[in-house]
Amino acid sequence: MEKLAANVKSLRLALGLTQAGLSARSGVPLGTLRKFEQTGHASSEALMKLLIAVGAAQAVIEATEPRPARFSSIDEVLEPDPRPTRKRGWRK
């Protein structure tokens, strides 16, 4: 979470906002914002408000979209690989 806090702080500074300015824009109390930037700890609601205010919410939403499963059942996971294991390399 500390890296996320550093990223939000960098975005805040790139926008030219003070902590008080970001606090006012996001609706997150100033103390909460200060604590988040120092420790990386904040509620999920406060974090989302900050991300929306600095324009980073869409990237987080896209990063958390579900991806198709590689396996549809536990049997596929436990099934042995049908390809034989190579005993020698094929490149010179």
PDB file of N, CA and C in Angstrom:
ATOM      1  N   MET A   1       0.816  -1.187   0.000  1.00  0.00           N
ATOM      2  CA  MET A   1       0.000   0.000   0.000  1.00  0.00           C
ATOM      3  C   MET A   1       0.868   1.264   0.000  1.00  0.00           C
ATOM      4  N   GLU A   2       2.083   1.154   0.485  1.00  0.00           N
ATOM      5  CA  GLU A   2       2.951   2.334   0.509  1.00  0.00           C
ATOM      6  C   GLU A   2       3.262   2.816  -0.904  1.00  0.00           C
ATOM      7  N   LYS A   3       3.441   1.884  -1.838  1.00  0.00           N
ATOM      8  CA  LYS A   3       3.702   2.258  -3.229  1.00  0.00           C
ATOM      9  C   LYS A   3       2.479   2.950  -3.825  1.00  0.00           C
ATOM     10  N   LEU A   4       1.301   2.468  -3.500  1.00  0.00           N
ATOM     11  CA  LEU A   4       0.068   3.087  -3.970  1.00  0.00           C
ATOM     12  C   LEU A   4      -0.052   4.506  -3.414  1.00  0.00           C
ATOM     13  N   ALA A   5       0.274   4.686  -2.145  1.00  0.00           N
ATOM     14  CA  ALA A   5       0.241   6.017  -1.530  1.00  0.00           C
ATOM     15  C   ALA A   5       1.229   6.944  -2.214  1.00  0.00           C
ATOM     16  N   ALA A   6       2.417   6.446  -2.531  1.00  0.00           N
ATOM     17  CA  ALA A   6       3.421   7.259  -3.217  1.00  0.00           C
ATOM     18  C   ALA A   6       2.938   7.648  -4.610  1.00  0.00           C
ATOM     19  N   ASN A   7       2.263   6.729  -5.288  1.00  0.00           N
ATOM     20  CA  ASN A   7       1.723   7.028  -6.623  1.00  0.00           C
ATOM     21  C   ASN A   7       0.640   8.100  -6.558  1.00  0.00           C
ATOM     22  N   VAL A   8      -0.253   8.003  -5.570  1.00  0.00           N
ATOM     23  CA  VAL A   8      -1.306   9.011  -5.413  1.00  0.00           C
ATOM     24  C   VAL A   8      -0.682  10.360  -5.090  1.00  0.00           C
ATOM     25  N   LYS A   9       0.335  10.371  -4.248  1.00  0.00           N
ATOM     26  CA  LYS A   9       1.012  11.628  -3.912  1.00  0.00           C
ATOM     27  C   LYS A   9       1.662  12.238  -5.162  1.00  0.00           C
ATOM     28  N   SER A  10       2.303  11.401  -5.972  1.00  0.00           N
ATOM     29  CA  SER A  10       2.918  11.889  -7.208  1.00  0.00           C
ATOM     30  C   SER A  10       1.878  12.472  -8.152  1.00  0.00           C
ATOM     31  N   LEU A  11       0.738  11.809  -8.274  1.00  0.00           N
ATOM     32  CA  LEU A  11      -0.340  12.325  -9.113  1.00  0.00           C
ATOM     33  C   LEU A  11      -0.870  13.654  -8.564  1.00  0.00           C
ATOM     34  N   ARG A  12      -0.990  13.736  -7.245  1.00  0.00           N
ATOM     35  CA  ARG A  12      -1.450  14.979  -6.609  1.00  0.00           C
ATOM     36  C   ARG A  12      -0.503  16.124  -6.932  1.00  0.00           C
ATOM     37  N   LEU A  13       0.782  15.867  -6.783  1.00  0.00           N
ATOM     38  CA  LEU A  13       1.777  16.899  -7.052  1.00  0.00           C
ATOM     39  C   LEU A  13       1.812  17.261  -8.536  1.00  0.00           C
ATOM     40  N   ALA A  14       1.633  16.290  -9.413  1.00  0.00           N
ATOM     41  CA  ALA A  14       1.611  16.561 -10.851  1.00  0.00           C
ATOM     42  C   ALA A  14       0.433  17.456 -11.223  1.00  0.00           C
ATOM     43  N   LEU A  15      -0.661  17.339 -10.484  1.00  0.00           N
ATOM     44  CA  LEU A  15      -1.824  18.190 -10.715  1.00  0.00           C
ATOM     45  C   LEU A  15      -1.670  19.549 -10.034  1.00  0.00           C
ATOM     46  N   GLY A  16      -0.609  19.693  -9.252  1.00  0.00           N
ATOM     47  CA  GLY A  16      -0.371  20.957  -8.564  1.00  0.00           C
ATOM     48  C   GLY A  16      -1.263  21.175  -7.362  1.00  0.00           C
ATOM     49  N   LEU A  17      -1.756  20.088  -6.790  1.00  0.00           N
ATOM     50  CA  LEU A  17      -2.659  20.196  -5.644  1.00  0.00           C
ATOM     51  C   LEU A  17      -1.911  20.068  -4.328  1.00  0.00           C
ATOM     52  N   THR A  18      -2.339  20.835  -3.348  1.00  0.00           N
ATOM     53  CA  THR A  18      -1.847  20.655  -1.989  1.00  0.00           C
ATOM     54  C   THR A  18      -2.647  19.515  -1.365  1.00  0.00           C
ATOM     55  N   GLN A  19      -2.221  19.077  -0.196  1.00  0.00           N
ATOM     56  CA  GLN A  19      -2.997  18.063   0.500  1.00  0.00           C
ATOM     57  C   GLN A  19      -4.390  18.598   0.818  1.00  0.00           C
ATOM     58  N   ALA A  20      -4.453  19.855   1.228  1.00  0.00           N
ATOM     59  CA  ALA A  20      -5.751  20.460   1.544  1.00  0.00           C
ATOM     60  C   ALA A  20      -6.626  20.538   0.293  1.00  0.00           C
ATOM     61  N   GLY A  21      -6.020  20.846  -0.840  1.00  0.00           N
ATOM     62  CA  GLY A  21      -6.780  20.922  -2.088  1.00  0.00           C
ATOM     63  C   GLY A  21      -7.343  19.577  -2.498  1.00  0.00           C
ATOM     64  N   LEU A  22      -6.514  18.528  -2.410  1.00  0.00           N
ATOM     65  CA  LEU A  22      -6.992  17.183  -2.753  1.00  0.00           C
ATOM     66  C   LEU A  22      -8.048  16.727  -1.760  1.00  0.00           C
ATOM     67  N   SER A  23      -7.860  17.081  -0.500  1.00  0.00           N
ATOM     68  CA  SER A  23      -8.842  16.737   0.519  1.00  0.00           C
ATOM     69  C   SER A  23     -10.194  17.361   0.192  1.00  0.00           C
ATOM     70  N   ALA A  24     -10.182  18.619  -0.201  1.00  0.00           N
ATOM     71  CA  ALA A  24     -11.434  19.306  -0.535  1.00  0.00           C
ATOM     72  C   ALA A  24     -12.070  18.716  -1.786  1.00  0.00           C
ATOM     73  N   ARG A  25     -11.270  18.415  -2.807  1.00  0.00           N
ATOM     74  CA  ARG A  25     -11.811  17.853  -4.057  1.00  0.00           C
ATOM     75  C   ARG A  25     -12.372  16.452  -3.871  1.00  0.00           C
ATOM     76  N   SER A  26     -11.707  15.658  -3.044  1.00  0.00           N
ATOM     77  CA  SER A  26     -12.093  14.250  -2.904  1.00  0.00           C
ATOM     78  C   SER A  26     -13.133  14.003  -1.827  1.00  0.00           C
ATOM     79  N   GLY A  27     -13.229  14.902  -0.857  1.00  0.00           N
ATOM     80  CA  GLY A  27     -14.136  14.674   0.268  1.00  0.00           C
ATOM     81  C   GLY A  27     -13.524  13.803   1.347  1.00  0.00           C
ATOM     82  N   VAL A  28     -12.231  13.523   1.232  1.00  0.00           N
ATOM     83  CA  VAL A  28     -11.515  12.743   2.241  1.00  0.00           C
ATOM     84  C   VAL A  28     -10.950  13.731   3.269  1.00  0.00           C
ATOM     85  N   PRO A  29     -11.169  13.494   4.545  1.00  0.00           N
ATOM     86  CA  PRO A  29     -10.624  14.411   5.548  1.00  0.00           C
ATOM     87  C   PRO A  29      -9.100  14.570   5.399  1.00  0.00           C
ATOM     88  N   LEU A  30      -8.628  15.781   5.690  1.00  0.00           N
ATOM     89  CA  LEU A  30      -7.212  16.088   5.539  1.00  0.00           C
ATOM     90  C   LEU A  30      -6.343  15.148   6.374  1.00  0.00           C
ATOM     91  N   GLY A  31      -6.754  14.852   7.574  1.00  0.00           N
ATOM     92  CA  GLY A  31      -5.991  13.939   8.434  1.00  0.00           C
ATOM     93  C   GLY A  31      -5.867  12.548   7.837  1.00  0.00           C
ATOM     94  N   THR A  32      -6.939  12.088   7.217  1.00  0.00           N
ATOM     95  CA  THR A  32      -6.928  10.772   6.573  1.00  0.00           C
ATOM     96  C   THR A  32      -5.975  10.771   5.389  1.00  0.00           C
ATOM     97  N   LEU A  33      -6.003  11.850   4.605  1.00  0.00           N
ATOM     98  CA  LEU A  33      -5.098  11.960   3.460  1.00  0.00           C
ATOM     99  C   LEU A  33      -3.648  11.990   3.915  1.00  0.00           C
ATOM    100  N   ARG A  34      -3.360  12.769   4.955  1.00  0.00           N
ATOM    101  CA  ARG A  34      -1.985  12.831   5.473  1.00  0.00           C
ATOM    102  C   ARG A  34      -1.521  11.464   5.964  1.00  0.00           C
ATOM    103  N   LYS A  35      -2.384  10.794   6.705  1.00  0.00           N
ATOM    104  CA  LYS A  35      -2.037   9.461   7.213  1.00  0.00           C
ATOM    105  C   LYS A  35      -1.808   8.493   6.052  1.00  0.00           C
ATOM    106  N   PHE A  36      -2.640   8.569   5.020  1.00  0.00           N
ATOM    107  CA  PHE A  36      -2.492   7.684   3.868  1.00  0.00           C
ATOM    108  C   PHE A  36      -1.158   7.931   3.173  1.00  0.00           C
ATOM    109  N   GLU A  37      -0.811   9.190   2.940  1.00  0.00           N
ATOM    110  CA  GLU A  37       0.450   9.486   2.254  1.00  0.00           C
ATOM    111  C   GLU A  37       1.665   9.068   3.080  1.00  0.00           C
ATOM    112  N   GLN A  38       1.553   9.095   4.392  1.00  0.00           N
ATOM    113  CA  GLN A  38       2.676   8.723   5.256  1.00  0.00           C
ATOM    114  C   GLN A  38       2.797   7.217   5.466  1.00  0.00           C
ATOM    115  N   THR A  39       1.658   6.558   5.625  1.00  0.00           N
ATOM    116  CA  THR A  39       1.694   5.140   6.012  1.00  0.00           C
ATOM    117  C   THR A  39       1.142   4.192   4.949  1.00  0.00           C
ATOM    118  N   GLY A  40       0.324   4.719   4.046  1.00  0.00           N
ATOM    119  CA  GLY A  40      -0.308   3.859   3.052  1.00  0.00           C
ATOM    120  C   GLY A  40      -1.592   3.225   3.540  1.00  0.00           C
ATOM    121  N   HIS A  41      -2.063   3.621   4.716  1.00  0.00           N
ATOM    122  CA  HIS A  41      -3.278   3.033   5.282  1.00  0.00           C
ATOM    123  C   HIS A  41      -4.459   3.965   5.073  1.00  0.00           C
ATOM    124  N   ALA A  42      -5.519   3.434   4.489  1.00  0.00           N
ATOM    125  CA  ALA A  42      -6.774   4.162   4.305  1.00  0.00           C
ATOM    126  C   ALA A  42      -7.870   3.154   4.017  1.00  0.00           C
ATOM    127  N   SER A  43      -9.094   3.568   4.261  1.00  0.00           N
ATOM    128  CA  SER A  43     -10.215   2.679   3.950  1.00  0.00           C
ATOM    129  C   SER A  43     -10.362   2.582   2.430  1.00  0.00           C
ATOM    130  N   SER A  44     -11.054   1.563   1.988  1.00  0.00           N
ATOM    131  CA  SER A  44     -11.257   1.411   0.548  1.00  0.00           C
ATOM    132  C   SER A  44     -12.088   2.564   0.001  1.00  0.00           C
ATOM    133  N   GLU A  45     -13.017   3.075   0.781  1.00  0.00           N
ATOM    134  CA  GLU A  45     -13.832   4.205   0.343  1.00  0.00           C
ATOM    135  C   GLU A  45     -12.970   5.454   0.168  1.00  0.00           C
ATOM    136  N   ALA A  46     -12.102   5.732   1.141  1.00  0.00           N
ATOM    137  CA  ALA A  46     -11.221   6.899   1.045  1.00  0.00           C
ATOM    138  C   ALA A  46     -10.264   6.751  -0.134  1.00  0.00           C
ATOM    139  N   LEU A  47      -9.737   5.555  -0.316  1.00  0.00           N
ATOM    140  CA  LEU A  47      -8.820   5.317  -1.427  1.00  0.00           C
ATOM    141  C   LEU A  47      -9.507   5.564  -2.768  1.00  0.00           C
ATOM    142  N   MET A  48     -10.716   5.057  -2.945  1.00  0.00           N
ATOM    143  CA  MET A  48     -11.428   5.261  -4.207  1.00  0.00           C
ATOM    144  C   MET A  48     -11.742   6.737  -4.438  1.00  0.00           C
ATOM    145  N   LYS A  49     -12.102   7.462  -3.404  1.00  0.00           N
ATOM    146  CA  LYS A  49     -12.359   8.892  -3.544  1.00  0.00           C
ATOM    147  C   LYS A  49     -11.099   9.614  -4.004  1.00  0.00           C
ATOM    148  N   LEU A  50      -9.957   9.247  -3.437  1.00  0.00           N
ATOM    149  CA  LEU A  50      -8.691   9.873  -3.831  1.00  0.00           C
ATOM    150  C   LEU A  50      -8.340   9.530  -5.270  1.00  0.00           C
ATOM    151  N   LEU A  51      -8.521   8.266  -5.636  1.00  0.00           N
ATOM    152  CA  LEU A  51      -8.214   7.848  -7.006  1.00  0.00           C
ATOM    153  C   LEU A  51      -9.104   8.558  -8.023  1.00  0.00           C
ATOM    154  N   ILE A  52     -10.365   8.741  -7.685  1.00  0.00           N
ATOM    155  CA  ILE A  52     -11.277   9.463  -8.581  1.00  0.00           C
ATOM    156  C   ILE A  52     -10.813  10.912  -8.718  1.00  0.00           C
ATOM    157  N   ALA A  53     -10.421  11.526  -7.613  1.00  0.00           N
ATOM    158  CA  ALA A  53     -10.026  12.937  -7.639  1.00  0.00           C
ATOM    159  C   ALA A  53      -8.747  13.177  -8.438  1.00  0.00           C
ATOM    160  N   VAL A  54      -7.825  12.204  -8.462  1.00  0.00           N
ATOM    161  CA  VAL A  54      -6.573  12.383  -9.214  1.00  0.00           C
ATOM    162  C   VAL A  54      -6.645  11.749 -10.606  1.00  0.00           C
ATOM    163  N   GLY A  55      -7.794  11.178 -10.946  1.00  0.00           N
ATOM    164  CA  GLY A  55      -7.988  10.632 -12.288  1.00  0.00           C
ATOM    165  C   GLY A  55      -7.405   9.260 -12.511  1.00  0.00           C
ATOM    166  N   ALA A  56      -7.240   8.486 -11.464  1.00  0.00           N
ATOM    167  CA  ALA A  56      -6.636   7.165 -11.598  1.00  0.00           C
ATOM    168  C   ALA A  56      -7.624   6.021 -11.346  1.00  0.00           C
ATOM    169  N   ALA A  57      -8.873   6.331 -11.137  1.00  0.00           N
ATOM    170  CA  ALA A  57      -9.847   5.287 -10.802  1.00  0.00           C
ATOM    171  C   ALA A  57     -10.061   4.311 -11.950  1.00  0.00           C
ATOM    172  N   GLN A  58     -10.106   4.807 -13.178  1.00  0.00           N
ATOM    173  CA  GLN A  58     -10.371   3.934 -14.323  1.00  0.00           C
ATOM    174  C   GLN A  58      -9.288   2.868 -14.466  1.00  0.00           C
ATOM    175  N   ALA A  59      -8.032   3.244 -14.244  1.00  0.00           N
ATOM    176  CA  ALA A  59      -6.934   2.272 -14.345  1.00  0.00           C
ATOM    177  C   ALA A  59      -7.076   1.172 -13.297  1.00  0.00           C
ATOM    178  N   VAL A  60      -7.522   1.534 -12.103  1.00  0.00           N
ATOM    179  CA  VAL A  60      -7.713   0.535 -11.044  1.00  0.00           C
ATOM    180  C   VAL A  60      -8.878  -0.380 -11.395  1.00  0.00           C
ATOM    181  N   ILE A  61      -9.943   0.197 -11.924  1.00  0.00           N
ATOM    182  CA  ILE A  61     -11.100  -0.613 -12.311  1.00  0.00           C
ATOM    183  C   ILE A  61     -10.709  -1.611 -13.400  1.00  0.00           C
ATOM    184  N   GLU A  62      -9.960  -1.150 -14.392  1.00  0.00           N
ATOM    185  CA  GLU A  62      -9.520  -2.042 -15.469  1.00  0.00           C
ATOM    186  C   GLU A  62      -8.576  -3.121 -14.958  1.00  0.00           C
ATOM    187  N   ALA A  63      -7.725  -2.777 -13.998  1.00  0.00           N
ATOM    188  CA  ALA A  63      -6.767  -3.748 -13.464  1.00  0.00           C
ATOM    189  C   ALA A  63      -7.449  -4.846 -12.658  1.00  0.00           C
ATOM    190  N   THR A  64      -8.648  -4.565 -12.158  1.00  0.00           N
ATOM    191  CA  THR A  64      -9.336  -5.561 -11.332  1.00  0.00           C
ATOM    192  C   THR A  64     -10.439  -6.300 -12.075  1.00  0.00           C
ATOM    193  N   GLU A  65     -10.539  -6.093 -13.387  1.00  0.00           N
ATOM    194  CA  GLU A  65     -11.544  -6.831 -14.158  1.00  0.00           C
ATOM    195  C   GLU A  65     -11.187  -8.315 -14.182  1.00  0.00           C
ATOM    196  N   PRO A  66     -12.192  -9.178 -14.062  1.00  0.00           N
ATOM    197  CA  PRO A  66     -11.913 -10.614 -14.076  1.00  0.00           C
ATOM    198  C   PRO A  66     -11.369 -11.064 -15.430  1.00  0.00           C
ATOM    199  N   ARG A  67     -10.475 -11.987 -15.369  1.00  0.00           N
ATOM    200  CA  ARG A  67      -9.904 -12.578 -16.586  1.00  0.00           C
ATOM    201  C   ARG A  67     -10.480 -13.986 -16.744  1.00  0.00           C
ATOM    202  N   PRO A  68     -10.539 -14.483 -17.983  1.00  0.00           N
ATOM    203  CA  PRO A  68     -11.079 -15.831 -18.177  1.00  0.00           C
ATOM    204  C   PRO A  68     -10.226 -16.869 -17.440  1.00  0.00           C
ATOM    205  N   ALA A  69     -10.893 -17.831 -16.876  1.00  0.00           N
ATOM    206  CA  ALA A  69     -10.198 -18.888 -16.142  1.00  0.00           C
ATOM    207  C   ALA A  69      -9.444 -19.796 -17.100  1.00  0.00           C
ATOM    208  N   ARG A  70      -8.252 -20.206 -16.664  1.00  0.00           N
ATOM    209  CA  ARG A  70      -7.468 -21.137 -17.481  1.00  0.00           C
ATOM    210  C   ARG A  70      -8.036 -22.537 -17.383  1.00  0.00           C
ATOM    211  N   PHE A  71      -8.651 -22.832 -16.261  1.00  0.00           N
ATOM    212  CA  PHE A  71      -9.211 -24.160 -16.034  1.00  0.00           C
ATOM    213  C   PHE A  71     -10.680 -24.009 -15.664  1.00  0.00           C
ATOM    214  N   SER A  72     -11.492 -24.968 -16.097  1.00  0.00           N
ATOM    215  CA  SER A  72     -12.906 -24.911 -15.759  1.00  0.00           C
ATOM    216  C   SER A  72     -13.263 -25.828 -14.606  1.00  0.00           C
ATOM    217  N   SER A  73     -12.359 -26.741 -14.238  1.00  0.00           N
ATOM    218  CA  SER A  73     -12.634 -27.630 -13.110  1.00  0.00           C
ATOM    219  C   SER A  73     -11.318 -28.072 -12.474  1.00  0.00           C
ATOM    220  N   ILE A  74     -11.416 -28.625 -11.297  1.00  0.00           N
ATOM    221  CA  ILE A  74     -10.229 -29.126 -10.591  1.00  0.00           C
ATOM    222  C   ILE A  74      -9.647 -30.326 -11.322  1.00  0.00           C
ATOM    223  N   ASP A  75     -10.495 -31.070 -12.045  1.00  0.00           N
ATOM    224  CA  ASP A  75     -10.010 -32.229 -12.799  1.00  0.00           C
ATOM    225  C   ASP A  75      -9.011 -31.801 -13.880  1.00  0.00           C
ATOM    226  N   GLU A  76      -9.271 -30.661 -14.522  1.00  0.00           N
ATOM    227  CA  GLU A  76      -8.331 -30.169 -15.526  1.00  0.00           C
ATOM    228  C   GLU A  76      -6.990 -29.794 -14.909  1.00  0.00           C
ATOM    229  N   VAL A  77      -7.018 -29.303 -13.708  1.00  0.00           N
ATOM    230  CA  VAL A  77      -5.776 -28.924 -13.022  1.00  0.00           C
ATOM    231  C   VAL A  77      -4.964 -30.165 -12.682  1.00  0.00           C
ATOM    232  N   LEU A  78      -5.640 -31.207 -12.218  1.00  0.00           N
ATOM    233  CA  LEU A  78      -4.957 -32.421 -11.773  1.00  0.00           C
ATOM    234  C   LEU A  78      -4.609 -33.373 -12.900  1.00  0.00           C
ATOM    235  N   GLU A  79      -5.207 -33.163 -14.068  1.00  0.00           N
ATOM    236  CA  GLU A  79      -4.971 -34.028 -15.219  1.00  0.00           C
ATOM    237  C   GLU A  79      -3.514 -33.931 -15.670  1.00  0.00           C
ATOM    238  N   PRO A  80      -2.867 -35.073 -15.910  1.00  0.00           N
ATOM    239  CA  PRO A  80      -1.472 -34.999 -16.370  1.00  0.00           C
ATOM    240  C   PRO A  80      -1.379 -34.402 -17.764  1.00  0.00           C
ATOM    241  N   ASP A  81      -0.264 -33.767 -18.039  1.00  0.00           N
ATOM    242  CA  ASP A  81      -0.038 -33.154 -19.345  1.00  0.00           C
ATOM    243  C   ASP A  81       0.079 -34.270 -20.381  1.00  0.00           C
ATOM    244  N   PRO A  82      -0.721 -34.229 -21.474  1.00  0.00           N
ATOM    245  CA  PRO A  82      -0.690 -35.309 -22.457  1.00  0.00           C
ATOM    246  C   PRO A  82       0.577 -35.313 -23.318  1.00  0.00           C
ATOM    247  N   ARG A  83       1.317 -34.208 -23.341  1.00  0.00           N
ATOM    248  CA  ARG A  83       2.535 -34.162 -24.155  1.00  0.00           C
ATOM    249  C   ARG A  83       3.665 -34.887 -23.429  1.00  0.00           C
ATOM    250  N   PRO A  84       4.454 -35.647 -24.156  1.00  0.00           N
ATOM    251  CA  PRO A  84       5.585 -36.322 -23.510  1.00  0.00           C
ATOM    252  C   PRO A  84       6.656 -35.290 -23.121  1.00  0.00           C
ATOM    253  N   THR A  85       7.360 -35.588 -22.048  1.00  0.00           N
ATOM    254  CA  THR A  85       8.424 -34.709 -21.592  1.00  0.00           C
ATOM    255  C   THR A  85       9.639 -34.889 -22.478  1.00  0.00           C
ATOM    256  N   ARG A  86      10.212 -33.795 -22.938  1.00  0.00           N
ATOM    257  CA  ARG A  86      11.390 -33.870 -23.808  1.00  0.00           C
ATOM    258  C   ARG A  86      12.592 -34.326 -22.999  1.00  0.00           C
ATOM    259  N   LYS A  87      13.386 -35.180 -23.613  1.00  0.00           N
ATOM    260  CA  LYS A  87      14.599 -35.683 -22.982  1.00  0.00           C
ATOM    261  C   LYS A  87      15.840 -34.917 -23.448  1.00  0.00           C
ATOM    262  N   ARG A  88      15.734 -34.293 -24.615  1.00  0.00           N
ATOM    263  CA  ARG A  88      16.844 -33.544 -25.177  1.00  0.00           C
ATOM    264  C   ARG A  88      16.354 -32.212 -25.727  1.00  0.00           C
ATOM    265  N   GLY A  89      17.271 -31.277 -25.819  1.00  0.00           N
ATOM    266  CA  GLY A  89      16.950 -29.991 -26.433  1.00  0.00           C
ATOM    267  C   GLY A  89      16.834 -30.120 -27.940  1.00  0.00           C
ATOM    268  N   TRP A  90      16.222 -29.151 -28.599  1.00  0.00           N
ATOM    269  CA  TRP A  90      16.069 -29.226 -30.043  1.00  0.00           C
ATOM    270  C   TRP A  90      16.807 -28.091 -30.765  1.00  0.00           C
ATOM    271  N   ARG A  91      17.480 -27.224 -30.017  1.00  0.00           N
ATOM    272  CA  ARG A  91      18.207 -26.135 -30.642  1.00  0.00           C
ATOM    273  C   ARG A  91      19.696 -26.350 -30.543  1.00  0.00           C
ATOM    274  N   LYS A  92      20.405 -25.889 -31.575  1.00  0.00           N
ATOM    275  CA  LYS A  92      21.866 -26.042 -31.579  1.00  0.00           C
ATOM    276  C   LYS A  92      22.522 -24.759 -31.171  1.00  0.00           C
TER     277      LYS A  92
END
